[in-house]
Amino acid sequence: MRWLARKHPDIHVTAIDIDGLKTACKNVNEGRLSDRITLREMDASNLGFQSESFDHVVNFLGLEDIHMTWGREGVEKAFKEAHRVLRPGGSFCFVAMSSDEAET
C-alpha cells in the first residue's frame, strides 16, 4: 500500500483488513502518507462502501485467509463485493501465492 501510494502520488488508497491495522497504521505514519492512505477495519466479503466507489480493487494475499476461514462461499462473496464496489470499467487484481511461498 505504501509502495502504491509512493509510486502514484496522484491517487488515494483505501486499505482494509479484518484485523491487524496496528502495523498498517505504523507503516502509514512512518511513510508520512496519512493524507493519502485511509485504513479501515473491514471484512472483504462484506464491504461497507457504496456501490461503484472505486476505480481499482486489489486483494493482496487476503483470499487465502478468506478461504481458510469461510471456504469457497467466502471467496465468492469477496469477489462479488469487489465487483459491486468497482466503478464501470474498473479493475480487480488479486495476488495469491502457494503455501510454500507464503512461509518465506
PDB file of N, CA and C in Angstrom:
ATOM      1  N   MET A   1       0.818  -1.176   0.000  1.00  0.00           N
ATOM      2  CA  MET A   1       0.000   0.000   0.000  1.00  0.00           C
ATOM      3  C   MET A   1       0.870   1.250   0.000  1.00  0.00           C
ATOM      4  N   ARG A   2       1.945   1.242   0.827  1.00  0.00           N
ATOM      5  CA  ARG A   2       2.862   2.397   0.807  1.00  0.00           C
ATOM      6  C   ARG A   2       3.519   2.519  -0.551  1.00  0.00           C
ATOM      7  N   TRP A   3       3.931   1.382  -1.107  1.00  0.00           N
ATOM      8  CA  TRP A   3       4.584   1.400  -2.408  1.00  0.00           C
ATOM      9  C   TRP A   3       3.662   2.004  -3.454  1.00  0.00           C
ATOM     10  N   LEU A   4       2.410   1.581  -3.440  1.00  0.00           N
ATOM     11  CA  LEU A   4       1.438   2.072  -4.411  1.00  0.00           C
ATOM     12  C   LEU A   4       1.235   3.573  -4.270  1.00  0.00           C
ATOM     13  N   ALA A   5       1.110   4.044  -3.044  1.00  0.00           N
ATOM     14  CA  ALA A   5       0.904   5.479  -2.806  1.00  0.00           C
ATOM     15  C   ALA A   5       2.128   6.300  -3.213  1.00  0.00           C
ATOM     16  N   ARG A   6       3.306   5.764  -2.971  1.00  0.00           N
ATOM     17  CA  ARG A   6       4.523   6.483  -3.375  1.00  0.00           C
ATOM     18  C   ARG A   6       4.724   6.469  -4.879  1.00  0.00           C
ATOM     19  N   LYS A   7       4.440   5.339  -5.501  1.00  0.00           N
ATOM     20  CA  LYS A   7       4.635   5.185  -6.948  1.00  0.00           C
ATOM     21  C   LYS A   7       3.659   6.071  -7.727  1.00  0.00           C
ATOM     22  N   HIS A   8       2.472   6.273  -7.162  1.00  0.00           N
ATOM     23  CA  HIS A   8       1.423   7.061  -7.828  1.00  0.00           C
ATOM     24  C   HIS A   8       0.946   8.161  -6.879  1.00  0.00           C
ATOM     25  N   PRO A   9       1.671   9.256  -6.813  1.00  0.00           N
ATOM     26  CA  PRO A   9       1.343  10.306  -5.840  1.00  0.00           C
ATOM     27  C   PRO A   9       0.004  10.997  -6.075  1.00  0.00           C
ATOM     28  N   ASP A  10      -0.633  10.737  -7.212  1.00  0.00           N
ATOM     29  CA  ASP A  10      -1.905  11.381  -7.518  1.00  0.00           C
ATOM     30  C   ASP A  10      -3.116  10.560  -7.079  1.00  0.00           C
ATOM     31  N   ILE A  11      -2.905   9.416  -6.430  1.00  0.00           N
ATOM     32  CA  ILE A  11      -4.033   8.581  -6.031  1.00  0.00           C
ATOM     33  C   ILE A  11      -4.219   8.578  -4.514  1.00  0.00           C
ATOM     34  N   HIS A  12      -5.415   8.194  -4.113  1.00  0.00           N
ATOM     35  CA  HIS A  12      -5.720   7.969  -2.698  1.00  0.00           C
ATOM     36  C   HIS A  12      -5.991   6.474  -2.536  1.00  0.00           C
ATOM     37  N   VAL A  13      -5.403   5.876  -1.531  1.00  0.00           N
ATOM     38  CA  VAL A  13      -5.544   4.442  -1.265  1.00  0.00           C
ATOM     39  C   VAL A  13      -6.431   4.255  -0.041  1.00  0.00           C
ATOM     40  N   THR A  14      -7.423   3.393  -0.173  1.00  0.00           N
ATOM     41  CA  THR A  14      -8.229   2.963   0.969  1.00  0.00           C
ATOM     42  C   THR A  14      -7.882   1.506   1.199  1.00  0.00           C
ATOM     43  N   ALA A  15      -7.306   1.217   2.338  1.00  0.00           N
ATOM     44  CA  ALA A  15      -6.868  -0.142   2.649  1.00  0.00           C
ATOM     45  C   ALA A  15      -7.728  -0.717   3.764  1.00  0.00           C
ATOM     46  N   ILE A  16      -8.094  -1.987   3.601  1.00  0.00           N
ATOM     47  CA  ILE A  16      -8.878  -2.648   4.642  1.00  0.00           C
ATOM     48  C   ILE A  16      -8.147  -3.880   5.133  1.00  0.00           C
ATOM     49  N   ASP A  17      -8.479  -4.254   6.348  1.00  0.00           N
ATOM     50  CA  ASP A  17      -8.015  -5.515   6.922  1.00  0.00           C
ATOM     51  C   ASP A  17      -9.031  -5.893   7.981  1.00  0.00           C
ATOM     52  N   ILE A  18      -9.253  -7.173   8.130  1.00  0.00           N
ATOM     53  CA  ILE A  18     -10.237  -7.605   9.118  1.00  0.00           C
ATOM     54  C   ILE A  18      -9.712  -7.394  10.533  1.00  0.00           C
ATOM     55  N   ASP A  19      -8.410  -7.407  10.688  1.00  0.00           N
ATOM     56  CA  ASP A  19      -7.768  -7.038  11.953  1.00  0.00           C
ATOM     57  C   ASP A  19      -6.291  -6.790  11.664  1.00  0.00           C
ATOM     58  N   GLY A  20      -5.562  -6.343  12.630  1.00  0.00           N
ATOM     59  CA  GLY A  20      -4.139  -6.112  12.428  1.00  0.00           C
ATOM     60  C   GLY A  20      -3.789  -4.775  11.824  1.00  0.00           C
ATOM     61  N   LEU A  21      -4.609  -3.771  12.040  1.00  0.00           N
ATOM     62  CA  LEU A  21      -4.332  -2.447  11.481  1.00  0.00           C
ATOM     63  C   LEU A  21      -3.225  -1.709  12.215  1.00  0.00           C
ATOM     64  N   LYS A  22      -2.814  -2.222  13.365  1.00  0.00           N
ATOM     65  CA  LYS A  22      -1.768  -1.549  14.134  1.00  0.00           C
ATOM     66  C   LYS A  22      -0.487  -1.420  13.308  1.00  0.00           C
ATOM     67  N   THR A  23      -0.073  -2.503  12.669  1.00  0.00           N
ATOM     68  CA  THR A  23       1.134  -2.469  11.837  1.00  0.00           C
ATOM     69  C   THR A  23       0.932  -1.555  10.633  1.00  0.00           C
ATOM     70  N   ALA A  24      -0.231  -1.634  10.019  1.00  0.00           N
ATOM     71  CA  ALA A  24      -0.522  -0.784   8.865  1.00  0.00           C
ATOM     72  C   ALA A  24      -0.486   0.691   9.255  1.00  0.00           C
ATOM     73  N   CYS A  25      -1.047   1.032  10.403  1.00  0.00           N
ATOM     74  CA  CYS A  25      -1.020   2.425  10.874  1.00  0.00           C
ATOM     75  C   CYS A  25       0.410   2.906  11.058  1.00  0.00           C
ATOM     76  N   LYS A  26       1.230   2.062  11.637  1.00  0.00           N
ATOM     77  CA  LYS A  26       2.632   2.414  11.838  1.00  0.00           C
ATOM     78  C   LYS A  26       3.317   2.670  10.498  1.00  0.00           C
ATOM     79  N   ASN A  27       3.078   1.797   9.529  1.00  0.00           N
ATOM     80  CA  ASN A  27       3.689   1.955   8.204  1.00  0.00           C
ATOM     81  C   ASN A  27       3.230   3.233   7.515  1.00  0.00           C
ATOM     82  N   VAL A  28       1.961   3.539   7.625  1.00  0.00           N
ATOM     83  CA  VAL A  28       1.425   4.760   7.005  1.00  0.00           C
ATOM     84  C   VAL A  28       2.032   5.990   7.666  1.00  0.00           C
ATOM     85  N   ASN A  29       2.086   5.997   8.988  1.00  0.00           N
ATOM     86  CA  ASN A  29       2.632   7.159   9.706  1.00  0.00           C
ATOM     87  C   ASN A  29       4.128   7.330   9.440  1.00  0.00           C
ATOM     88  N   GLU A  30       4.876   6.234   9.444  1.00  0.00           N
ATOM     89  CA  GLU A  30       6.313   6.319   9.167  1.00  0.00           C
ATOM     90  C   GLU A  30       6.579   6.800   7.748  1.00  0.00           C
ATOM     91  N   GLY A  31       5.713   6.429   6.828  1.00  0.00           N
ATOM     92  CA  GLY A  31       5.873   6.855   5.440  1.00  0.00           C
ATOM     93  C   GLY A  31       5.303   8.226   5.155  1.00  0.00           C
ATOM     94  N   ARG A  32       4.771   8.887   6.197  1.00  0.00           N
ATOM     95  CA  ARG A  32       4.154  10.212   6.062  1.00  0.00           C
ATOM     96  C   ARG A  32       3.107  10.230   4.940  1.00  0.00           C
ATOM     97  N   LEU A  33       2.254   9.213   4.946  1.00  0.00           N
ATOM     98  CA  LEU A  33       1.257   9.085   3.890  1.00  0.00           C
ATOM     99  C   LEU A  33      -0.176   9.114   4.424  1.00  0.00           C
ATOM    100  N   SER A  34      -0.350   9.552   5.642  1.00  0.00           N
ATOM    101  CA  SER A  34      -1.681   9.522   6.245  1.00  0.00           C
ATOM    102  C   SER A  34      -2.686  10.413   5.517  1.00  0.00           C
ATOM    103  N   ASP A  35      -2.209  11.378   4.745  1.00  0.00           N
ATOM    104  CA  ASP A  35      -3.118  12.225   3.979  1.00  0.00           C
ATOM    105  C   ASP A  35      -3.603  11.541   2.700  1.00  0.00           C
ATOM    106  N   ARG A  36      -2.954  10.423   2.308  1.00  0.00           N
ATOM    107  CA  ARG A  36      -3.336   9.744   1.065  1.00  0.00           C
ATOM    108  C   ARG A  36      -3.704   8.278   1.238  1.00  0.00           C
ATOM    109  N   ILE A  37      -3.601   7.761   2.462  1.00  0.00           N
ATOM    110  CA  ILE A  37      -3.990   6.377   2.727  1.00  0.00           C
ATOM    111  C   ILE A  37      -4.979   6.365   3.883  1.00  0.00           C
ATOM    112  N   THR A  38      -6.139   5.803   3.637  1.00  0.00           N
ATOM    113  CA  THR A  38      -7.158   5.623   4.663  1.00  0.00           C
ATOM    114  C   THR A  38      -7.200   4.143   5.035  1.00  0.00           C
ATOM    115  N   LEU A  39      -7.182   3.854   6.321  1.00  0.00           N
ATOM    116  CA  LEU A  39      -7.235   2.480   6.813  1.00  0.00           C
ATOM    117  C   LEU A  39      -8.593   2.225   7.460  1.00  0.00           C
ATOM    118  N   ARG A  40      -9.175   1.079   7.115  1.00  0.00           N
ATOM    119  CA  ARG A  40     -10.473   0.706   7.687  1.00  0.00           C
ATOM    120  C   ARG A  40     -10.449  -0.753   8.090  1.00  0.00           C
ATOM    121  N   GLU A  41     -10.938  -1.051   9.272  1.00  0.00           N
ATOM    122  CA  GLU A  41     -11.084  -2.444   9.692  1.00  0.00           C
ATOM    123  C   GLU A  41     -12.395  -2.960   9.099  1.00  0.00           C
ATOM    124  N   MET A  42     -12.275  -3.973   8.224  1.00  0.00           N
ATOM    125  CA  MET A  42     -13.440  -4.416   7.477  1.00  0.00           C
ATOM    126  C   MET A  42     -13.192  -5.799   6.893  1.00  0.00           C
ATOM    127  N   ASP A  43     -14.255  -6.541   6.698  1.00  0.00           N
ATOM    128  CA  ASP A  43     -14.221  -7.869   6.090  1.00  0.00           C
ATOM    129  C   ASP A  43     -14.407  -7.722   4.577  1.00  0.00           C
ATOM    130  N   ALA A  44     -13.514  -8.293   3.792  1.00  0.00           N
ATOM    131  CA  ALA A  44     -13.578  -8.168   2.331  1.00  0.00           C
ATOM    132  C   ALA A  44     -14.820  -8.819   1.737  1.00  0.00           C
ATOM    133  N   SER A  45     -15.453  -9.712   2.478  1.00  0.00           N
ATOM    134  CA  SER A  45     -16.666 -10.352   1.957  1.00  0.00           C
ATOM    135  C   SER A  45     -17.928  -9.589   2.358  1.00  0.00           C
ATOM    136  N   ASN A  46     -17.754  -8.460   3.040  1.00  0.00           N
ATOM    137  CA  ASN A  46     -18.881  -7.618   3.435  1.00  0.00           C
ATOM    138  C   ASN A  46     -18.388  -6.177   3.542  1.00  0.00           C
ATOM    139  N   LEU A  47     -18.137  -5.568   2.402  1.00  0.00           N
ATOM    140  CA  LEU A  47     -17.554  -4.232   2.355  1.00  0.00           C
ATOM    141  C   LEU A  47     -18.572  -3.156   2.713  1.00  0.00           C
ATOM    142  N   GLY A  48     -18.169  -2.241   3.539  1.00  0.00           N
ATOM    143  CA  GLY A  48     -19.033  -1.145   3.969  1.00  0.00           C
ATOM    144  C   GLY A  48     -18.891   0.093   3.101  1.00  0.00           C
ATOM    145  N   PHE A  49     -18.753  -0.089   1.817  1.00  0.00           N
ATOM    146  CA  PHE A  49     -18.626   1.028   0.887  1.00  0.00           C
ATOM    147  C   PHE A  49     -19.833   1.044  -0.047  1.00  0.00           C
ATOM    148  N   GLN A  50     -20.140   2.205  -0.574  1.00  0.00           N
ATOM    149  CA  GLN A  50     -21.215   2.311  -1.549  1.00  0.00           C
ATOM    150  C   GLN A  50     -20.813   1.598  -2.834  1.00  0.00           C
ATOM    151  N   SER A  51     -21.791   1.146  -3.571  1.00  0.00           N
ATOM    152  CA  SER A  51     -21.537   0.535  -4.878  1.00  0.00           C
ATOM    153  C   SER A  51     -20.855   1.545  -5.790  1.00  0.00           C
ATOM    154  N   GLU A  52     -20.001   1.041  -6.650  1.00  0.00           N
ATOM    155  CA  GLU A  52     -19.285   1.845  -7.648  1.00  0.00           C
ATOM    156  C   GLU A  52     -18.484   2.972  -7.007  1.00  0.00           C
ATOM    157  N   SER A  53     -17.737   2.645  -5.937  1.00  0.00           N
ATOM    158  CA  SER A  53     -16.950   3.643  -5.207  1.00  0.00           C
ATOM    159  C   SER A  53     -15.498   3.735  -5.634  1.00  0.00           C
ATOM    160  N   PHE A  54     -14.975   2.691  -6.296  1.00  0.00           N
ATOM    161  CA  PHE A  54     -13.534   2.615  -6.549  1.00  0.00           C
ATOM    162  C   PHE A  54     -13.225   2.330  -8.011  1.00  0.00           C
ATOM    163  N   ASP A  55     -12.101   2.887  -8.459  1.00  0.00           N
ATOM    164  CA  ASP A  55     -11.612   2.614  -9.813  1.00  0.00           C
ATOM    165  C   ASP A  55     -10.873   1.281  -9.881  1.00  0.00           C
ATOM    166  N   HIS A  56     -10.231   0.903  -8.796  1.00  0.00           N
ATOM    167  CA  HIS A  56      -9.447  -0.331  -8.757  1.00  0.00           C
ATOM    168  C   HIS A  56      -9.606  -0.988  -7.385  1.00  0.00           C
ATOM    169  N   VAL A  57      -9.621  -2.301  -7.387  1.00  0.00           N
ATOM    170  CA  VAL A  57      -9.626  -3.081  -6.146  1.00  0.00           C
ATOM    171  C   VAL A  57      -8.471  -4.059  -6.235  1.00  0.00           C
ATOM    172  N   VAL A  58      -7.650  -4.100  -5.183  1.00  0.00           N
ATOM    173  CA  VAL A  58      -6.520  -5.026  -5.116  1.00  0.00           C
ATOM    174  C   VAL A  58      -6.661  -5.835  -3.837  1.00  0.00           C
ATOM    175  N   ASN A  59      -6.576  -7.138  -3.971  1.00  0.00           N
ATOM    176  CA  ASN A  59      -6.588  -8.023  -2.805  1.00  0.00           C
ATOM    177  C   ASN A  59      -5.213  -8.668  -2.743  1.00  0.00           C
ATOM    178  N   PHE A  60      -4.444  -8.299  -1.746  1.00  0.00           N
ATOM    179  CA  PHE A  60      -3.083  -8.814  -1.610  1.00  0.00           C
ATOM    180  C   PHE A  60      -3.049  -9.881  -0.531  1.00  0.00           C
ATOM    181  N   LEU A  61      -3.040 -11.119  -0.946  1.00  0.00           N
ATOM    182  CA  LEU A  61      -2.930 -12.298  -0.078  1.00  0.00           C
ATOM    183  C   LEU A  61      -4.120 -12.494   0.860  1.00  0.00           C
ATOM    184  N   GLY A  62      -5.202 -11.786   0.659  1.00  0.00           N
ATOM    185  CA  GLY A  62      -6.359 -11.930   1.540  1.00  0.00           C
ATOM    186  C   GLY A  62      -7.259 -13.100   1.207  1.00  0.00           C
ATOM    187  N   LEU A  63      -7.259 -13.520  -0.056  1.00  0.00           N
ATOM    188  CA  LEU A  63      -8.167 -14.596  -0.445  1.00  0.00           C
ATOM    189  C   LEU A  63      -7.832 -15.910   0.242  1.00  0.00           C
ATOM    190  N   GLU A  64      -6.562 -16.133   0.514  1.00  0.00           N
ATOM    191  CA  GLU A  64      -6.173 -17.360   1.217  1.00  0.00           C
ATOM    192  C   GLU A  64      -6.786 -17.379   2.606  1.00  0.00           C
ATOM    193  N   ASP A  65      -6.717 -16.255   3.306  1.00  0.00           N
ATOM    194  CA  ASP A  65      -7.294 -16.173   4.642  1.00  0.00           C
ATOM    195  C   ASP A  65      -8.810 -16.329   4.602  1.00  0.00           C
ATOM    196  N   ILE A  66      -9.439 -15.690   3.630  1.00  0.00           N
ATOM    197  CA  ILE A  66     -10.890 -15.805   3.491  1.00  0.00           C
ATOM    198  C   ILE A  66     -11.265 -17.257   3.239  1.00  0.00           C
ATOM    199  N   HIS A  67     -10.529 -17.923   2.351  1.00  0.00           N
ATOM    200  CA  HIS A  67     -10.825 -19.313   2.043  1.00  0.00           C
ATOM    201  C   HIS A  67     -10.636 -20.208   3.263  1.00  0.00           C
ATOM    202  N   MET A  68      -9.567 -19.979   4.020  1.00  0.00           N
ATOM    203  CA  MET A  68      -9.329 -20.802   5.207  1.00  0.00           C
ATOM    204  C   MET A  68     -10.422 -20.599   6.257  1.00  0.00           C
ATOM    205  N   THR A  69     -10.959 -19.399   6.338  1.00  0.00           N
ATOM    206  CA  THR A  69     -11.955 -19.077   7.357  1.00  0.00           C
ATOM    207  C   THR A  69     -13.377 -19.393   6.895  1.00  0.00           C
ATOM    208  N   TRP A  70     -13.720 -18.989   5.670  1.00  0.00           N
ATOM    209  CA  TRP A  70     -15.099 -19.073   5.194  1.00  0.00           C
ATOM    210  C   TRP A  70     -15.294 -20.022   4.019  1.00  0.00           C
ATOM    211  N   GLY A  71     -14.214 -20.618   3.516  1.00  0.00           N
ATOM    212  CA  GLY A  71     -14.341 -21.549   2.397  1.00  0.00           C
ATOM    213  C   GLY A  71     -14.683 -20.859   1.096  1.00  0.00           C
ATOM    214  N   ARG A  72     -15.118 -21.665   0.150  1.00  0.00           N
ATOM    215  CA  ARG A  72     -15.438 -21.158  -1.191  1.00  0.00           C
ATOM    216  C   ARG A  72     -16.516 -20.080  -1.146  1.00  0.00           C
ATOM    217  N   GLU A  73     -17.495 -20.260  -0.277  1.00  0.00           N
ATOM    218  CA  GLU A  73     -18.580 -19.281  -0.168  1.00  0.00           C
ATOM    219  C   GLU A  73     -18.032 -17.899   0.202  1.00  0.00           C
ATOM    220  N   GLY A  74     -17.069 -17.849   1.112  1.00  0.00           N
ATOM    221  CA  GLY A  74     -16.474 -16.576   1.497  1.00  0.00           C
ATOM    222  C   GLY A  74     -15.710 -15.927   0.358  1.00  0.00           C
ATOM    223  N   VAL A  75     -14.973 -16.745  -0.408  1.00  0.00           N
ATOM    224  CA  VAL A  75     -14.233 -16.227  -1.559  1.00  0.00           C
ATOM    225  C   VAL A  75     -15.205 -15.671  -2.594  1.00  0.00           C
ATOM    226  N   GLU A  76     -16.291 -16.395  -2.849  1.00  0.00           N
ATOM    227  CA  GLU A  76     -17.289 -15.911  -3.807  1.00  0.00           C
ATOM    228  C   GLU A  76     -17.892 -14.589  -3.349  1.00  0.00           C
ATOM    229  N   LYS A  77     -18.174 -14.465  -2.045  1.00  0.00           N
ATOM    230  CA  LYS A  77     -18.708 -13.200  -1.516  1.00  0.00           C
ATOM    231  C   LYS A  77     -17.704 -12.066  -1.696  1.00  0.00           C
ATOM    232  N   ALA A  78     -16.421 -12.355  -1.453  1.00  0.00           N
ATOM    233  CA  ALA A  78     -15.389 -11.325  -1.604  1.00  0.00           C
ATOM    234  C   ALA A  78     -15.299 -10.858  -3.056  1.00  0.00           C
ATOM    235  N   PHE A  79     -15.375 -11.793  -4.010  1.00  0.00           N
ATOM    236  CA  PHE A  79     -15.345 -11.417  -5.425  1.00  0.00           C
ATOM    237  C   PHE A  79     -16.575 -10.586  -5.786  1.00  0.00           C
ATOM    238  N   LYS A  80     -17.737 -10.973  -5.286  1.00  0.00           N
ATOM    239  CA  LYS A  80     -18.964 -10.212  -5.570  1.00  0.00           C
ATOM    240  C   LYS A  80     -18.881  -8.807  -4.988  1.00  0.00           C
ATOM    241  N   GLU A  81     -18.327  -8.689  -3.786  1.00  0.00           N
ATOM    242  CA  GLU A  81     -18.188  -7.382  -3.165  1.00  0.00           C
ATOM    243  C   GLU A  81     -17.196  -6.512  -3.947  1.00  0.00           C
ATOM    244  N   ALA A  82     -16.095  -7.102  -4.389  1.00  0.00           N
ATOM    245  CA  ALA A  82     -15.126  -6.343  -5.198  1.00  0.00           C
ATOM    246  C   ALA A  82     -15.812  -5.829  -6.458  1.00  0.00           C
ATOM    247  N   HIS A  83     -16.593  -6.668  -7.095  1.00  0.00           N
ATOM    248  CA  HIS A  83     -17.309  -6.262  -8.314  1.00  0.00           C
ATOM    249  C   HIS A  83     -18.324  -5.161  -8.001  1.00  0.00           C
ATOM    250  N   ARG A  84     -19.000  -5.283  -6.880  1.00  0.00           N
ATOM    251  CA  ARG A  84     -20.028  -4.303  -6.510  1.00  0.00           C
ATOM    252  C   ARG A  84     -19.442  -2.911  -6.286  1.00  0.00           C
ATOM    253  N   VAL A  85     -18.284  -2.828  -5.636  1.00  0.00           N
ATOM    254  CA  VAL A  85     -17.725  -1.510  -5.306  1.00  0.00           C
ATOM    255  C   VAL A  85     -16.919  -0.891  -6.447  1.00  0.00           C
ATOM    256  N   LEU A  86     -16.686  -1.657  -7.514  1.00  0.00           N
ATOM    257  CA  LEU A  86     -15.949  -1.118  -8.663  1.00  0.00           C
ATOM    258  C   LEU A  86     -16.833  -0.255  -9.542  1.00  0.00           C
ATOM    259  N   ARG A  87     -16.265   0.844  -9.993  1.00  0.00           N
ATOM    260  CA  ARG A  87     -16.951   1.660 -10.989  1.00  0.00           C
ATOM    261  C   ARG A  87     -16.898   0.925 -12.325  1.00  0.00           C
ATOM    262  N   PRO A  88     -17.831   1.236 -13.221  1.00  0.00           N
ATOM    263  CA  PRO A  88     -17.773   0.617 -14.555  1.00  0.00           C
ATOM    264  C   PRO A  88     -16.408   0.857 -15.204  1.00  0.00           C
ATOM    265  N   GLY A  89     -15.833  -0.189 -15.743  1.00  0.00           N
ATOM    266  CA  GLY A  89     -14.516  -0.100 -16.365  1.00  0.00           C
ATOM    267  C   GLY A  89     -13.365  -0.250 -15.382  1.00  0.00           C
ATOM    268  N   GLY A  90     -13.673  -0.445 -14.102  1.00  0.00           N
ATOM    269  CA  GLY A  90     -12.633  -0.595 -13.087  1.00  0.00           C
ATOM    270  C   GLY A  90     -11.947  -1.949 -13.187  1.00  0.00           C
ATOM    271  N   SER A  91     -10.909  -2.128 -12.401  1.00  0.00           N
ATOM    272  CA  SER A  91     -10.159  -3.389 -12.453  1.00  0.00           C
ATOM    273  C   SER A  91     -10.055  -4.013 -11.066  1.00  0.00           C
ATOM    274  N   PHE A  92      -9.999  -5.339 -11.059  1.00  0.00           N
ATOM    275  CA  PHE A  92      -9.821  -6.104  -9.832  1.00  0.00           C
ATOM    276  C   PHE A  92      -8.583  -6.961 -10.013  1.00  0.00           C
ATOM    277  N   CYS A  93      -7.640  -6.806  -9.133  1.00  0.00           N
ATOM    278  CA  CYS A  93      -6.394  -7.569  -9.163  1.00  0.00           C
ATOM    279  C   CYS A  93      -6.258  -8.280  -7.828  1.00  0.00           C
ATOM    280  N   PHE A  94      -5.965  -9.569  -7.876  1.00  0.00           N
ATOM    281  CA  PHE A  94      -5.698 -10.245  -6.612  1.00  0.00           C
ATOM    282  C   PHE A  94      -4.376 -10.970  -6.713  1.00  0.00           C
ATOM    283  N   VAL A  95      -3.659 -10.945  -5.609  1.00  0.00           N
ATOM    284  CA  VAL A  95      -2.349 -11.578  -5.514  1.00  0.00           C
ATOM    285  C   VAL A  95      -2.500 -12.802  -4.629  1.00  0.00           C
ATOM    286  N   ALA A  96      -2.078 -13.929  -5.142  1.00  0.00           N
ATOM    287  CA  ALA A  96      -2.123 -15.178  -4.380  1.00  0.00           C
ATOM    288  C   ALA A  96      -0.787 -15.871  -4.536  1.00  0.00           C
ATOM    289  N   MET A  97      -0.452 -16.702  -3.576  1.00  0.00           N
ATOM    290  CA  MET A  97       0.776 -17.484  -3.687  1.00  0.00           C
ATOM    291  C   MET A  97       0.568 -18.831  -3.013  1.00  0.00           C
ATOM    292  N   SER A  98       1.383 -19.768  -3.401  1.00  0.00           N
ATOM    293  CA  SER A  98       1.266 -21.103  -2.818  1.00  0.00           C
ATOM    294  C   SER A  98       1.682 -21.057  -1.360  1.00  0.00           C
ATOM    295  N   SER A  99       1.243 -22.042  -0.597  1.00  0.00           N
ATOM    296  CA  SER A  99       1.573 -22.075   0.832  1.00  0.00           C
ATOM    297  C   SER A  99       3.080 -22.201   1.043  1.00  0.00           C
ATOM    298  N   ASP A 100       3.790 -22.847   0.118  1.00  0.00           N
ATOM    299  CA  ASP A 100       5.242 -22.944   0.222  1.00  0.00           C
ATOM    300  C   ASP A 100       5.885 -21.556   0.152  1.00  0.00           C
ATOM    301  N   GLU A 101       5.417 -20.743  -0.785  1.00  0.00           N
ATOM    302  CA  GLU A 101       5.960 -19.400  -0.927  1.00  0.00           C
ATOM    303  C   GLU A 101       5.550 -18.491   0.225  1.00  0.00           C
ATOM    304  N   ALA A 102       4.357 -18.674   0.736  1.00  0.00           N
ATOM    305  CA  ALA A 102       3.840 -17.818   1.807  1.00  0.00           C
ATOM    306  C   ALA A 102       4.682 -17.925   3.067  1.00  0.00           C
ATOM    307  N   GLU A 103       5.262 -19.084   3.306  1.00  0.00           N
ATOM    308  CA  GLU A 103       6.064 -19.257   4.506  1.00  0.00           C
ATOM    309  C   GLU A 103       7.391 -18.547   4.431  1.00  0.00           C
ATOM    310  N   THR A 104       7.831 -18.176   3.241  1.00  0.00           N
ATOM    311  CA  THR A 104       9.099 -17.473   3.089  1.00  0.00           C
ATOM    312  C   THR A 104       8.827 -15.992   3.030  1.00  0.00           C
TER     313      THR A 104
END
